[in-house]
Protein backbone atom coordinates (compact mmCIF):
# COMPACT_ATOMS: atom_id res chain seq x y z
CA UNK A 1 -0.01 0.01 -0.01
CA UNK A 2 1.43 3.38 -1.02
CA UNK A 3 1.97 6.09 1.52
CA UNK A 4 0.23 9.46 1.34
CA UNK A 5 3.55 11.05 0.34
CA UNK A 6 3.95 8.59 -2.56
CA UNK A 7 0.42 9.30 -3.71
CA UNK A 8 0.95 13.02 -3.55
CA UNK A 9 4.19 12.75 -5.54
CA UNK A 10 2.70 10.35 -8.15
CA UNK A 11 -0.12 12.75 -9.01
CA UNK A 12 2.22 15.73 -9.51
CA UNK A 13 2.98 15.23 -13.26
CA UNK A 14 -0.66 14.86 -14.19
CA UNK A 15 -1.72 17.67 -11.85
CA UNK A 16 0.88 19.93 -13.48
CA UNK A 17 -0.52 19.22 -16.93
CA UNK A 18 -4.07 19.93 -15.75
CA UNK A 19 -3.08 23.13 -13.95
CA UNK A 20 -0.90 24.54 -16.74
CA UNK A 21 -3.26 23.68 -19.61
CA UNK A 22 -6.60 24.49 -17.88
CA UNK A 23 -5.63 27.01 -15.23
CA UNK A 24 -2.93 28.82 -17.14
CA UNK A 25 -4.06 28.16 -20.70
CA UNK A 26 -0.63 26.83 -21.69
CA UNK A 27 -0.35 24.82 -24.93
CA UNK A 28 0.67 21.17 -24.80
CA UNK A 29 3.97 22.22 -26.38
CA UNK A 30 4.81 24.29 -23.26
CA UNK A 31 3.13 22.15 -20.62
CA UNK A 32 4.45 18.71 -21.52
CA UNK A 33 8.19 19.52 -21.10
CA UNK A 34 7.35 20.87 -17.64
CA UNK A 35 5.47 17.68 -16.78
CA UNK A 36 8.50 15.64 -17.95
CA UNK A 37 10.83 17.60 -15.65
CA UNK A 38 8.43 17.04 -12.74
CA UNK A 39 8.13 13.32 -13.52
CA UNK A 40 11.93 13.01 -13.67
CA UNK A 41 12.38 14.81 -10.34
CA UNK A 42 9.62 12.77 -8.68
CA UNK A 43 11.13 9.58 -10.11
CA UNK A 44 14.59 10.45 -8.82
CA UNK A 45 13.64 11.53 -5.29
CA UNK A 46 10.43 9.57 -4.66
CA UNK A 47 11.19 6.32 -6.52
CA UNK A 48 14.97 6.25 -6.42
CA UNK A 49 15.22 6.11 -10.21
CA UNK A 50 18.78 6.56 -11.39
CA UNK A 51 19.54 9.19 -14.01
CA UNK A 52 20.31 6.32 -16.38
CA UNK A 53 16.81 4.82 -15.94
CA UNK A 54 15.18 8.21 -16.36
CA UNK A 55 17.12 8.86 -19.54
CA UNK A 56 16.39 5.33 -20.85
CA UNK A 57 12.67 5.74 -20.18
CA UNK A 58 12.74 9.09 -21.97
CA UNK A 59 14.50 7.62 -25.00
CA UNK A 60 12.02 4.77 -25.05
CA UNK A 61 9.23 7.36 -25.08
CA UNK A 62 10.89 9.33 -27.82
CA UNK A 63 11.08 6.27 -30.09
CA UNK A 64 7.37 5.61 -29.52
CA UNK A 65 6.55 9.29 -30.21
CA UNK A 66 8.60 9.02 -33.49
CA UNK A 67 6.43 6.10 -34.56
CA UNK A 68 3.31 8.30 -34.01
CA UNK A 69 4.80 11.31 -35.82
CA UNK A 70 5.80 9.16 -38.79
CA UNK A 71 2.21 7.97 -39.22
CA UNK A 72 0.68 11.43 -38.65
CA UNK A 73 3.09 13.08 -41.08
CA UNK A 74 2.28 10.60 -43.86
CA UNK A 75 -1.48 10.76 -43.27
CA UNK A 76 -1.63 14.52 -43.44
CA UNK A 77 0.75 14.59 -46.41
CA UNK A 78 -1.73 12.55 -48.44
CA UNK A 79 -4.58 14.84 -47.38
CA UNK A 80 -2.76 18.03 -48.40
CA UNK A 81 -1.56 16.38 -51.59
CA UNK A 82 -5.17 15.80 -52.62
CA UNK A 83 -6.10 19.35 -51.64
CA UNK A 84 -3.30 20.67 -53.84
CA UNK A 85 -4.37 18.63 -56.89
CA UNK A 86 -8.05 19.60 -56.49
CA UNK A 87 -9.01 15.93 -55.88
CA UNK A 88 -10.38 16.78 -52.45
CA UNK A 89 -12.61 19.49 -53.95
CA UNK A 90 -13.94 16.98 -56.51
CA UNK A 91 -14.69 14.43 -53.72
CA UNK A 92 -16.47 17.15 -51.79
CA UNK A 93 -18.50 18.25 -54.78
CA UNK A 94 -19.58 14.64 -55.29
CA UNK A 95 -21.35 14.85 -51.92
CA UNK A 96 -22.72 18.40 -52.08
CA UNK A 97 -24.33 17.79 -55.52
CA UNK A 98 -26.62 15.21 -53.96
CA UNK A 99 -28.80 17.52 -51.91
CA UNK A 100 -29.27 21.21 -51.10
CA UNK A 101 -30.79 20.29 -47.71
CA UNK A 102 -28.43 21.28 -44.92
CA UNK A 103 -29.47 18.28 -42.83
CA UNK A 104 -28.49 15.86 -45.55
CA UNK A 105 -25.24 17.76 -46.11
CA UNK A 106 -24.36 17.33 -42.40
CA UNK A 107 -24.93 13.58 -42.57
CA UNK A 108 -22.83 13.22 -45.76
CA UNK A 109 -20.02 15.73 -45.12
CA UNK A 110 -19.71 15.64 -41.29
CA UNK A 111 -20.66 12.15 -40.22
CA UNK A 112 -19.46 10.15 -43.24
CA UNK A 113 -16.81 12.28 -45.00
CA UNK A 114 -15.54 13.64 -41.66
CA UNK A 115 -15.28 10.08 -40.31
CA UNK A 116 -13.31 9.05 -43.41
CA UNK A 117 -10.86 11.94 -42.99
CA UNK A 118 -10.49 11.05 -39.26
CA UNK A 119 -9.87 7.38 -40.10
CA UNK A 120 -7.27 8.30 -42.70
CA UNK A 121 -5.50 11.26 -41.08
CA UNK A 122 -6.73 11.74 -37.47
CA UNK A 123 -5.26 14.34 -35.10
CA UNK A 124 -8.02 16.96 -35.38
CA UNK A 125 -7.89 17.08 -39.20
CA UNK A 126 -11.67 16.57 -39.92
CA UNK A 127 -12.92 19.72 -38.23
CA UNK A 128 -10.13 21.79 -39.79
CA UNK A 129 -10.97 20.41 -43.24
CA UNK A 130 -14.77 19.98 -43.14
CA UNK A 131 -15.48 23.29 -41.36
CA UNK A 132 -14.34 25.49 -44.28
CA UNK A 133 -16.22 23.30 -46.76
CA UNK A 134 -19.45 23.82 -44.83
CA UNK A 135 -18.78 27.62 -44.71
CA UNK A 136 -18.31 27.57 -48.45
CA UNK A 137 -21.68 25.98 -48.79
CA UNK A 138 -23.32 28.76 -46.81
CA UNK A 139 -23.23 27.46 -43.24
CA UNK A 140 -22.65 30.03 -40.49
CA UNK A 141 -19.02 29.52 -39.46
CA UNK A 142 -19.94 28.87 -35.81
CA UNK A 143 -22.45 26.21 -36.88
CA UNK A 144 -19.86 24.68 -39.18
CA UNK A 145 -17.37 24.28 -36.34
CA UNK A 146 -19.95 22.88 -33.87
CA UNK A 147 -21.24 20.19 -36.20
CA UNK A 148 -17.82 19.40 -37.65
CA UNK A 149 -16.43 18.65 -34.18
CA UNK A 150 -19.42 16.45 -33.32
CA UNK A 151 -19.87 14.19 -36.29
CA UNK A 152 -16.80 11.93 -36.52
CA UNK A 153 -16.60 10.75 -32.95
CA UNK A 154 -17.05 7.05 -33.79
CA UNK A 155 -13.94 7.11 -36.00
CA UNK A 156 -11.62 8.90 -33.60
CA UNK A 157 -10.83 5.78 -31.52
CA UNK A 158 -9.40 4.27 -34.65
CA UNK A 159 -8.12 7.49 -36.24
CA UNK A 160 -5.10 7.65 -38.50
CA UNK A 161 -5.39 3.96 -39.37
CA UNK A 162 -5.46 2.69 -35.79
CA UNK A 163 -2.74 4.90 -34.28
CA UNK A 164 -4.48 5.48 -30.88
CA UNK A 165 -4.72 1.73 -30.20
CA UNK A 166 -1.63 0.52 -32.02
CA UNK A 167 0.78 3.16 -30.75
CA UNK A 168 -1.11 4.58 -27.81
CA UNK A 169 -1.87 1.20 -26.19
CA UNK A 170 -0.03 -1.62 -27.96
CA UNK A 171 3.44 -0.12 -27.82
CA UNK A 172 2.96 1.11 -24.24
CA UNK A 173 1.67 -2.20 -22.98
CA UNK A 174 4.49 -4.07 -24.73
CA UNK A 175 6.93 -2.01 -22.66
CA UNK A 176 5.19 -2.80 -19.36
CA UNK A 177 6.38 -6.11 -17.96
CA UNK A 178 3.39 -6.79 -15.69
CA UNK A 179 0.90 -6.32 -18.56
CA UNK A 180 2.93 -8.39 -21.01
CA UNK A 181 3.20 -11.25 -18.52
CA UNK A 182 -0.50 -11.24 -17.67
CA UNK A 183 -1.55 -11.11 -21.36
CA UNK A 184 0.88 -13.94 -22.22
CA UNK A 185 -0.70 -16.04 -19.47
CA UNK A 186 -3.99 -15.78 -21.38
CA UNK A 187 -2.31 -17.21 -24.50
CA UNK A 188 -2.31 -13.86 -26.35
CA UNK A 189 0.34 -11.58 -27.73
CA UNK A 190 0.00 -7.89 -26.97
CA UNK A 191 -1.24 -7.11 -30.51
CA UNK A 192 -3.85 -9.85 -30.25
CA UNK A 193 -5.07 -8.47 -26.94
CA UNK A 194 -5.17 -4.88 -28.21
CA UNK A 195 -7.30 -6.14 -31.08
CA UNK A 196 -9.77 -7.40 -28.45
CA UNK A 197 -9.72 -4.00 -26.79
CA UNK A 198 -10.51 -2.44 -30.18
CA UNK A 199 -13.43 -4.85 -30.62
CA UNK A 200 -14.92 -3.75 -27.31
CA UNK A 201 -14.35 -0.11 -28.16
CA UNK A 202 -16.11 -0.62 -31.45
CA UNK A 203 -18.96 -2.30 -29.56
CA UNK A 204 -19.36 0.72 -27.28
CA UNK A 205 -19.37 3.03 -30.27
CA UNK A 206 -21.87 1.00 -32.29
CA UNK A 207 -24.39 1.02 -29.44
CA UNK A 208 -23.92 4.63 -28.26
CA UNK A 209 -23.26 6.05 -31.70
CA UNK A 210 -26.71 5.15 -33.00
CA UNK A 211 -27.77 8.74 -32.17
CA UNK A 212 -24.56 10.45 -33.31
CA UNK A 213 -25.63 11.57 -36.82
CA UNK A 214 -28.97 12.69 -35.46
CA UNK A 215 -27.29 14.65 -32.66
CA UNK A 216 -25.16 16.55 -35.25
CA UNK A 217 -28.22 17.51 -37.21
CA UNK A 218 -30.30 18.33 -34.11
CA UNK A 219 -27.63 20.65 -32.70
CA UNK A 220 -27.61 22.53 -36.01
CA UNK A 221 -31.43 22.95 -36.16
CA UNK A 222 -31.80 23.65 -32.40
CA UNK A 223 -29.06 26.29 -32.04
CA UNK A 224 -28.74 27.71 -35.58
CA UNK A 225 -32.17 27.27 -37.21
CA UNK A 226 -34.85 29.97 -37.43
CA UNK A 227 -37.24 27.86 -35.39
CA UNK A 228 -34.61 26.86 -32.73
CA UNK A 229 -36.07 23.37 -32.60
CA UNK A 230 -35.01 19.78 -33.07
CA UNK A 231 -38.25 19.06 -35.04
CA UNK A 232 -36.54 19.55 -38.42
CA UNK A 233 -33.93 17.02 -37.31
CA UNK A 234 -36.61 14.44 -36.57
CA UNK A 235 -37.66 14.65 -40.19
CA UNK A 236 -34.31 13.15 -41.26
CA UNK A 237 -34.17 10.60 -38.47
CA UNK A 238 -34.59 7.67 -40.97
CA UNK A 239 -31.63 8.99 -42.94
CA UNK A 240 -29.44 9.41 -39.84
CA UNK A 241 -30.28 5.82 -38.69
CA UNK A 242 -29.51 4.43 -42.11
CA UNK A 243 -26.21 6.30 -42.24
CA UNK A 244 -25.30 4.98 -38.78
CA UNK A 245 -26.21 1.38 -39.74
CA UNK A 246 -24.32 1.52 -43.00
CA UNK A 247 -21.28 2.83 -41.14
CA UNK A 248 -21.65 0.63 -38.03
CA UNK A 249 -21.89 -2.77 -39.72
CA UNK A 250 -18.61 -2.71 -41.71
CA UNK A 251 -17.02 -0.79 -38.79
CA UNK A 252 -17.75 -3.55 -36.23
CA UNK A 253 -17.10 -6.42 -38.61
CA UNK A 254 -13.75 -4.93 -39.51
CA UNK A 255 -12.76 -4.61 -35.85
CA UNK A 256 -13.76 -8.27 -35.38
CA UNK A 257 -11.94 -9.75 -38.38
CA UNK A 258 -9.07 -7.35 -39.13
CA UNK A 259 -8.25 -5.60 -35.86
CA UNK A 260 -7.84 -1.90 -34.98
CA UNK A 261 -6.26 -0.58 -38.13
CA UNK A 262 -9.21 -0.39 -40.47
CA UNK A 263 -12.58 -0.04 -38.63
CA UNK A 264 -12.95 3.73 -39.11
CA UNK A 265 -11.66 3.59 -42.71
CA UNK A 266 -13.84 0.74 -43.90
CA UNK A 267 -16.86 1.85 -41.86
CA UNK A 268 -16.73 5.29 -43.47
CA UNK A 269 -16.20 3.90 -46.97
CA UNK A 270 -19.08 1.48 -46.57
CA UNK A 271 -21.32 4.12 -45.07
CA UNK A 272 -20.51 6.60 -47.84
CA UNK A 273 -21.21 4.09 -50.59
CA UNK A 274 -24.52 2.89 -49.10
CA UNK A 275 -25.88 6.26 -48.05
CA UNK A 276 -24.98 8.04 -51.26
CA UNK A 277 -26.41 5.13 -53.18
CA UNK A 278 -29.81 5.21 -51.53
CA UNK A 279 -29.99 8.99 -51.78
CA UNK A 280 -29.32 8.85 -55.52
CA UNK A 281 -32.06 6.23 -55.79
CA UNK A 282 -34.43 8.76 -54.24
CA UNK A 283 -34.79 7.35 -50.77
CA UNK A 284 -34.61 9.23 -47.44
CA UNK A 285 -34.85 12.71 -48.99
CA UNK A 286 -36.89 15.15 -46.83
CA UNK A 287 -40.10 16.47 -48.33
CA UNK A 288 -38.79 20.03 -48.23
CA UNK A 289 -35.24 21.40 -48.11
CA UNK A 290 -34.17 22.92 -44.81
CA UNK A 291 -31.90 25.96 -44.63
CA UNK A 292 -30.70 28.55 -42.21
CA UNK A 293 -32.58 31.81 -41.79
CA UNK A 294 -31.60 34.96 -43.70
CA UNK A 295 -28.01 35.89 -43.07
CA UNK A 296 -29.00 39.40 -42.01
CA UNK A 297 -30.73 37.90 -38.94
CA UNK A 298 -27.70 35.88 -37.80
CA UNK A 299 -26.11 36.99 -34.50
CA UNK A 300 -22.73 38.64 -34.90
CA UNK A 301 -20.85 35.85 -33.12
CA UNK A 302 -21.93 33.33 -35.80
CA UNK A 303 -19.61 34.91 -38.35
CA UNK A 304 -16.04 36.10 -38.08
CA UNK A 305 -13.38 37.06 -40.62
CA UNK A 306 -14.61 34.68 -43.35
CA UNK A 307 -18.00 35.33 -44.86
CA UNK A 308 -20.10 32.26 -45.72
CA UNK A 309 -21.26 31.91 -49.32
CA UNK A 310 -23.52 29.74 -51.34
CA UNK A 311 -21.82 26.93 -53.23
CA UNK A 312 -19.88 28.45 -56.05
CA UNK A 313 -18.09 26.32 -58.50
CA UNK A 314 -16.30 26.58 -61.80
CA UNK A 315 -15.41 23.85 -64.27
CA UNK A 316 -13.68 21.87 -61.55
CA UNK A 317 -16.64 21.84 -59.13
CA UNK A 318 -14.44 23.22 -56.32
CA UNK A 319 -16.05 25.16 -53.51
CA UNK A 320 -14.39 28.22 -51.98
CA UNK A 321 -14.32 28.50 -48.19
CA UNK A 322 -15.39 32.19 -48.42
CA UNK A 323 -18.02 31.70 -51.11
CA UNK A 324 -15.86 33.05 -53.93
CA UNK A 325 -14.65 31.38 -57.11
CA UNK A 326 -11.81 28.80 -57.11
CA UNK A 327 -9.43 28.47 -59.94
CA UNK A 328 -7.90 25.02 -60.44
CA UNK A 329 -7.01 22.82 -63.32
CA UNK A 330 -9.26 20.78 -65.66
CA UNK A 331 -12.04 18.83 -64.05
CA UNK A 332 -10.92 15.55 -62.54
CA UNK A 333 -13.19 12.51 -62.54
CA UNK A 334 -14.51 11.30 -59.19
CA UNK A 335 -12.86 7.93 -59.72
CA UNK A 336 -9.46 9.50 -60.30
CA UNK A 337 -9.92 11.77 -57.26
CA UNK A 338 -10.68 8.75 -55.02
CA UNK A 339 -7.92 6.52 -56.42
CA UNK A 340 -5.17 7.45 -53.96
CA UNK A 341 -7.39 6.62 -50.99
CA UNK A 342 -8.49 3.37 -52.65
CA UNK A 343 -4.88 2.41 -53.20
CA UNK A 344 -4.09 3.40 -49.62
CA UNK A 345 -6.82 1.07 -48.25
CA UNK A 346 -5.59 -1.76 -50.51
CA UNK A 347 -1.93 -1.44 -49.50
CA UNK A 348 -2.84 -1.29 -45.81
CA UNK A 349 -4.84 -4.51 -46.14
CA UNK A 350 -2.19 -6.35 -48.23
CA UNK A 351 0.66 -5.44 -45.92
CA UNK A 352 -1.30 -6.62 -42.86
CA UNK A 353 -3.06 -9.66 -44.21
CA UNK A 354 -0.94 -11.25 -46.93
CA UNK A 355 1.64 -13.40 -45.06
CA UNK A 356 4.78 -13.11 -47.24
CA UNK A 357 4.34 -9.33 -47.72
CA UNK A 358 3.65 -8.87 -44.00
CA UNK A 359 6.77 -10.88 -43.14
CA UNK A 360 8.86 -8.69 -45.48
CA UNK A 361 7.68 -5.31 -44.16
CA UNK A 362 7.94 -6.41 -40.54
CA UNK A 363 11.48 -7.72 -40.89
CA UNK A 364 13.06 -5.24 -43.37
CA UNK A 365 14.44 -1.84 -42.37
CA UNK A 366 13.49 -2.33 -38.70
CA UNK A 367 15.58 0.01 -36.51
CA UNK A 368 15.93 -1.55 -33.10
CA UNK A 369 17.39 -0.36 -29.82
CA UNK A 370 17.67 -3.22 -27.35
CA UNK A 371 18.62 -2.80 -23.73
CA UNK A 372 18.45 0.97 -23.93
CA UNK A 373 21.36 2.43 -21.88
CA UNK A 374 21.84 -1.03 -20.34
CA UNK A 375 18.31 -1.34 -18.95
CA UNK A 376 15.65 -3.93 -19.73
CA UNK A 377 13.81 -1.42 -22.01
CA UNK A 378 13.83 -1.83 -25.78
CA UNK A 379 11.97 -0.31 -28.72
CA UNK A 380 11.99 -0.23 -32.48
CA UNK A 381 11.03 1.77 -35.58
CA UNK A 382 9.66 -0.38 -38.43
CA UNK A 383 10.24 1.88 -41.41
CA UNK A 384 8.25 -0.14 -43.96
CA UNK A 385 5.57 -1.65 -41.71
CA UNK A 386 4.35 1.54 -40.05
CA UNK A 387 1.50 3.17 -42.07
CA UNK A 388 3.65 6.25 -42.58
CA UNK A 389 5.54 4.40 -45.32
CA UNK A 390 2.31 3.54 -47.13
CA UNK A 391 1.08 7.16 -46.94
CA UNK A 392 4.36 8.43 -48.39
CA UNK A 393 4.16 5.79 -51.16
CA UNK A 394 0.60 6.92 -52.01
CA UNK A 395 1.80 10.52 -52.11
CA UNK A 396 4.54 9.59 -54.59
CA UNK A 397 2.00 7.66 -56.66
CA UNK A 398 -0.36 10.61 -56.71
CA UNK A 399 2.30 12.89 -58.21
CA UNK A 400 2.13 11.34 -61.72
CA UNK A 401 -1.50 10.18 -61.28
CA UNK A 402 -2.77 13.69 -60.78
CA UNK A 403 -0.04 15.49 -62.75
CA UNK A 404 1.37 17.48 -59.84
CA UNK A 405 3.93 20.13 -60.57
CA UNK A 406 6.89 21.11 -58.38
CA UNK A 407 4.98 23.99 -56.76
CA UNK A 408 2.09 21.76 -55.74
CA UNK A 409 4.46 19.12 -54.31
CA UNK A 410 6.38 21.77 -52.34
CA UNK A 411 3.17 23.28 -51.01
CA UNK A 412 1.85 19.90 -49.88
CA UNK A 413 5.07 19.16 -47.97
CA UNK A 414 5.30 22.64 -46.45
CA UNK A 415 1.68 22.59 -45.28
CA UNK A 416 2.20 19.13 -43.82
CA UNK A 417 5.29 20.20 -41.89
CA UNK A 418 3.52 23.31 -40.66
CA UNK A 419 0.59 21.11 -39.40
CA UNK A 420 2.78 18.46 -37.73
CA UNK A 421 5.55 20.57 -36.28
CA UNK A 422 3.60 21.86 -33.26
CA UNK A 423 2.87 18.28 -32.25
CA UNK A 424 6.50 17.18 -32.15
CA UNK A 425 7.53 18.64 -28.84
CA UNK A 426 4.23 17.86 -27.14
CA UNK A 427 4.29 14.23 -28.22
CA UNK A 428 7.97 13.62 -27.40
CA UNK A 429 7.64 14.92 -23.85
CA UNK A 430 4.16 13.44 -23.22
CA UNK A 431 5.22 9.91 -24.10
CA UNK A 432 8.54 10.31 -22.21
CA UNK A 433 6.62 11.49 -19.13
CA UNK A 434 4.40 8.41 -19.22
CA UNK A 435 7.34 6.09 -19.67
CA UNK A 436 9.01 7.56 -16.61
CA UNK A 437 5.79 7.02 -14.61
CA UNK A 438 5.50 3.41 -15.91
CA UNK A 439 9.21 2.50 -15.32
CA UNK A 440 9.45 4.31 -11.96
CA UNK A 441 9.07 1.09 -9.97
CA UNK A 442 11.76 -0.91 -11.75
CA UNK A 443 14.88 0.45 -9.97
CA UNK A 444 13.61 0.13 -6.35
CA UNK A 445 11.37 -2.90 -7.07
CA UNK A 446 8.27 -1.03 -5.77
CA UNK A 447 4.93 -0.03 -7.27
CA UNK A 448 5.28 2.52 -10.04
CA UNK A 449 3.61 5.96 -10.00
CA UNK A 450 0.78 4.69 -12.20
CA UNK A 451 0.15 1.71 -9.96
CA UNK A 452 0.01 3.95 -6.93
CA UNK A 453 -2.52 6.24 -8.64
CA UNK A 454 -4.67 3.31 -9.84
CA UNK A 455 -4.82 1.71 -6.39
CA UNK A 456 -5.89 5.00 -4.84
CA UNK A 457 -8.55 5.48 -7.57
CA UNK A 458 -9.89 1.96 -7.21
CA UNK A 459 -10.15 2.36 -3.40
CA UNK A 460 -11.79 5.70 -3.71
CA UNK A 461 -14.35 4.96 -6.45
CA UNK A 462 -14.96 1.34 -5.61
CA UNK A 463 -17.18 -0.87 -7.76
CA UNK A 464 -18.76 2.06 -9.64
CA UNK A 465 -15.47 3.14 -11.23
CA UNK A 466 -16.25 1.54 -14.64
CA UNK A 467 -18.93 4.22 -15.06
CA UNK A 468 -16.19 6.89 -14.92
CA UNK A 469 -13.56 5.08 -17.04
CA UNK A 470 -14.55 6.85 -20.28
CA UNK A 471 -14.53 10.24 -18.53
CA UNK A 472 -10.90 9.64 -17.45
CA UNK A 473 -10.07 9.02 -21.11
CA UNK A 474 -12.01 12.11 -22.11
CA UNK A 475 -10.07 14.19 -19.56
CA UNK A 476 -6.82 13.00 -21.13
CA UNK A 477 -7.91 14.03 -24.60
CA UNK A 478 -9.27 17.34 -23.34
CA UNK A 479 -5.81 18.06 -21.86
CA UNK A 480 -3.68 16.82 -24.72
CA UNK A 481 -6.01 17.30 -27.76
CA UNK A 482 -5.38 13.72 -28.82
CA UNK A 483 -7.01 10.35 -28.37
CA UNK A 484 -3.57 8.77 -28.85
CA UNK A 485 -1.94 10.80 -26.10
CA UNK A 486 -4.91 10.12 -23.81
CA UNK A 487 -4.39 6.37 -24.32
CA UNK A 488 -0.67 6.83 -23.64
CA UNK A 489 -1.39 8.79 -20.43
CA UNK A 490 -4.15 6.64 -19.04
CA UNK A 491 -4.15 3.21 -20.78
CA UNK A 492 -1.91 1.55 -18.23
CA UNK A 493 -3.71 3.43 -15.42
CA UNK A 494 -7.08 1.94 -16.54
CA UNK A 495 -5.52 -1.50 -16.75
CA UNK A 496 -4.23 -1.24 -13.17
CA UNK A 497 -7.56 0.06 -11.80
CA UNK A 498 -9.36 -2.86 -13.47
CA UNK A 499 -6.87 -5.29 -11.93
CA UNK A 500 -7.33 -3.74 -8.49
CA UNK A 501 -11.09 -3.93 -8.81
CA UNK A 502 -11.08 -7.46 -10.18
CA UNK A 503 -13.06 -6.44 -13.31
CA UNK A 504 -12.32 -6.97 -16.98
CA UNK A 505 -9.17 -5.13 -18.05
CA UNK A 506 -10.05 -5.52 -21.72
CA UNK A 507 -13.49 -3.91 -21.33
CA UNK A 508 -12.24 -1.08 -19.10
CA UNK A 509 -9.36 -0.19 -21.46
CA UNK A 510 -11.91 -0.29 -24.27
CA UNK A 511 -13.89 2.35 -22.41
CA UNK A 512 -10.69 4.38 -22.14
CA UNK A 513 -10.31 4.22 -25.92
CA UNK A 514 -13.87 5.50 -26.35
CA UNK A 515 -13.33 8.21 -23.74
CA UNK A 516 -10.28 9.51 -25.60
CA UNK A 517 -12.61 10.03 -28.59
CA UNK A 518 -15.19 11.80 -26.46
CA UNK A 519 -12.67 14.24 -25.10
CA UNK A 520 -11.80 15.43 -28.59
CA UNK A 521 -15.17 17.26 -28.65
CA UNK A 522 -13.84 19.80 -26.18
CA UNK A 523 -10.07 19.51 -26.58
CA UNK A 524 -8.75 23.07 -26.66
CA UNK A 525 -6.28 22.35 -29.45
CA UNK A 526 -9.01 20.94 -31.73
CA UNK A 527 -11.46 23.70 -30.96
CA UNK A 528 -8.95 26.48 -31.61
CA UNK A 529 -7.76 24.88 -34.89
CA UNK A 530 -11.35 24.46 -36.12
CA UNK A 531 -12.27 28.08 -35.25
CA UNK A 532 -9.04 29.45 -36.84
CA UNK A 533 -9.76 28.03 -40.26
CA UNK A 534 -13.20 29.69 -40.37
CA UNK A 535 -12.04 32.98 -38.97
CA UNK A 536 -13.69 32.72 -35.54
CA UNK A 537 -10.87 32.55 -33.01
CA UNK A 538 -12.13 33.78 -29.64
CA UNK A 539 -15.33 31.74 -29.56
CA UNK A 540 -13.78 28.70 -27.83
CA UNK A 541 -15.92 28.98 -24.72
CA UNK A 542 -19.14 29.14 -26.69
CA UNK A 543 -18.15 26.09 -28.80
CA UNK A 544 -17.14 24.06 -25.74
CA UNK A 545 -20.40 24.78 -23.95
CA UNK A 546 -22.33 23.46 -26.92
CA UNK A 547 -20.08 20.37 -27.27
CA UNK A 548 -20.74 19.47 -23.63
CA UNK A 549 -24.19 18.23 -24.83
CA UNK A 550 -22.97 15.36 -27.02
CA UNK A 551 -20.16 14.72 -24.55
CA UNK A 552 -22.61 14.25 -21.69
CA UNK A 553 -24.74 11.85 -23.75
CA UNK A 554 -21.79 9.79 -24.97
CA UNK A 555 -19.97 9.65 -21.65
CA UNK A 556 -23.09 8.70 -19.70
CA UNK A 557 -24.15 5.98 -22.12
CA UNK A 558 -20.65 4.60 -22.35
CA UNK A 559 -20.38 4.52 -18.54
CA UNK A 560 -23.66 2.66 -18.17
CA UNK A 561 -22.56 0.17 -20.83
CA UNK A 562 -19.23 -0.33 -19.03
CA UNK A 563 -21.09 -1.27 -15.81
CA UNK A 564 -23.38 -3.59 -17.77
CA UNK A 565 -20.50 -5.26 -19.61
CA UNK A 566 -18.11 -5.85 -16.68
CA UNK A 567 -20.74 -6.96 -14.11
CA UNK A 568 -23.62 -8.52 -16.09
CA UNK A 569 -22.90 -9.45 -19.71
CA UNK A 570 -19.21 -10.36 -19.74
CA UNK A 571 -17.90 -10.55 -16.16
CA UNK A 572 -15.33 -13.24 -16.95
CA UNK A 573 -13.55 -11.36 -19.72
CA UNK A 574 -9.85 -10.85 -19.10
C-alpha cells in the first residue's frame, strides 16, 4: 500500500498538466516539457530512479513518439496532396451535389466524410478540413465548427489507421512487464489483446453512436435554425439511422476480423457508398429542403473574418471557403480523385493480411534499440511496416497520377510540416513522461507511479469506477488534444484500476479508448484549430459549452454500458 507522500508525488506530473493547460491556458507544447521535468524529479527523489533509468525511459518514449509522428506526417501529407491537386474538392462536390438540404449535407459531409478523414488522417484534421467546406456551402461559421467537431466521434478511436490503439496502447503495454506477462498467461500476444480492446471499443461506439448523426443535425437545427427546434432534425431521423447502420456494420465487422487498423476507414467507406447510393435512388430525402434563416438575422458571433457563401463552382466543381470562385486545373473525374485513398486502403490490407508481404515489411528496415542504456527497455522503428511508409508511397504515386507540378508538391510538404511541427515537442515529452511514470518502480522494485494512482482510484471509487472510465479518457484528450496521447497517459492506469477492482481489463481499457474520442469534442487544441480556419478565434468557450451536450450523452451511455458489460454481460472477460 502506497503512503500518502507517494500518492501526492505520483499525482504531481498529471496535476501539473491539468493546472498549466486548464488553469494557465498553456499549450501542450509548453506544458508537456514541464510535466516531464516534474516526472523526472519525482522519479529520482520519490522512486529512487537513477539518471540512467530516467534517460532510458525518456529515450524509449521518444522512439514511440517518433512512430506516431511518422504515421501522422504521412497521413496529413496525403490529405494536403489531394487538396493541392483539386482531388479533395472533386470528392467534396460529389457529396454536395446530392442535396441542397443542410441536414442531408451534415450527414454526408460531417458524419461520413468527416469520419473518413479522421480514419485516414486523425489528429483533429476533420474539423479543420470539413469546417471550411461547410462555410463555403453557406453554413454560419460557428455552426460549421460545432457540427464538424461532433460528427466523426465514432472514427476517432481508430483515427489515423489505428494509431491511438496500436501506438497509444499496444506499444505502451508491450513495454510494461506486468501487462505483457498477464496477457501472455492468457495465451495472447499484446497485438492480439489490443485487437480485443479495439473490438470492445467498437462495440461501445456501435451502441452509443446510433444517435450520433442525429445529434449533429439536431444541434444545427436547435441552435442555428430559425425555429430553434429539433423538429426539423426528426424529419431526417430515418436517414441518420440508415447512415449509422451503413457505417456501423462494416465498422464492427472490420474490428472483429481485421483488428484496430481499419474499422474507421472501412466503416466510413461502406457508409458513404451505401448512403450516397440510396439517396441517389431517391430514398430518405426530406419532403422540403431545410436551410438557415436569412444571413441578415444571424447574430454577430456566428460569423467572423470569413463570410459564408452559397456553393460556387467553376469547371472543376471546387467550392471556396469564403463563397468566392476557385481556380484550379481541368475537371478531374470522381474515380481519379478517389484513387489514392482506394490504393491506400488496398496497401494497408495487403501489408497486414498477406503473409509473405507482411513478413517482409515487418522484418526489413526495422531500426531496433535493445537494452536501452543497459536497462531492460527496448523499442524499435519499423520503417516499412508503419502506415507512414504507405502514406508516403501513395503521395509519390499521386504525383504522376494527378499530374502534380513542383509547386504543388512543395506546397503539400510545407503545409504538412506546418501542421505536424507543433505536435512534435508535445508528443515527445508526453510519451517520455508516461514512460518515466511506468518505469518508476523498476529500480527500487516497488509499485510505479501509475500503480500507486490506480490503487488509490480503485479504493476511492470502488465498484462504480467503470462508469467513470470513459470520462478519465475524455479528460486525457481534453488536456492533450489527442486520443492517442490520452491512451498513452491513461491506458496503463485503466488497466491497473481494473486489476485492483477485479473487473475486466479488456473492457475497461476499451472504455478508455472510447473516452479519448469523447474528449476530442472539447479539446482546446482541436477547438482552436477548427475556429481558426473559419475565422472565428475567440469563440472557444461558446463552442465548448455546446459540445458538452454530445459529450454528456456519450460519456453517460458509455459509462452505463461499461457497468453492464463488466458486471452482467461479460464478467469473466480478461
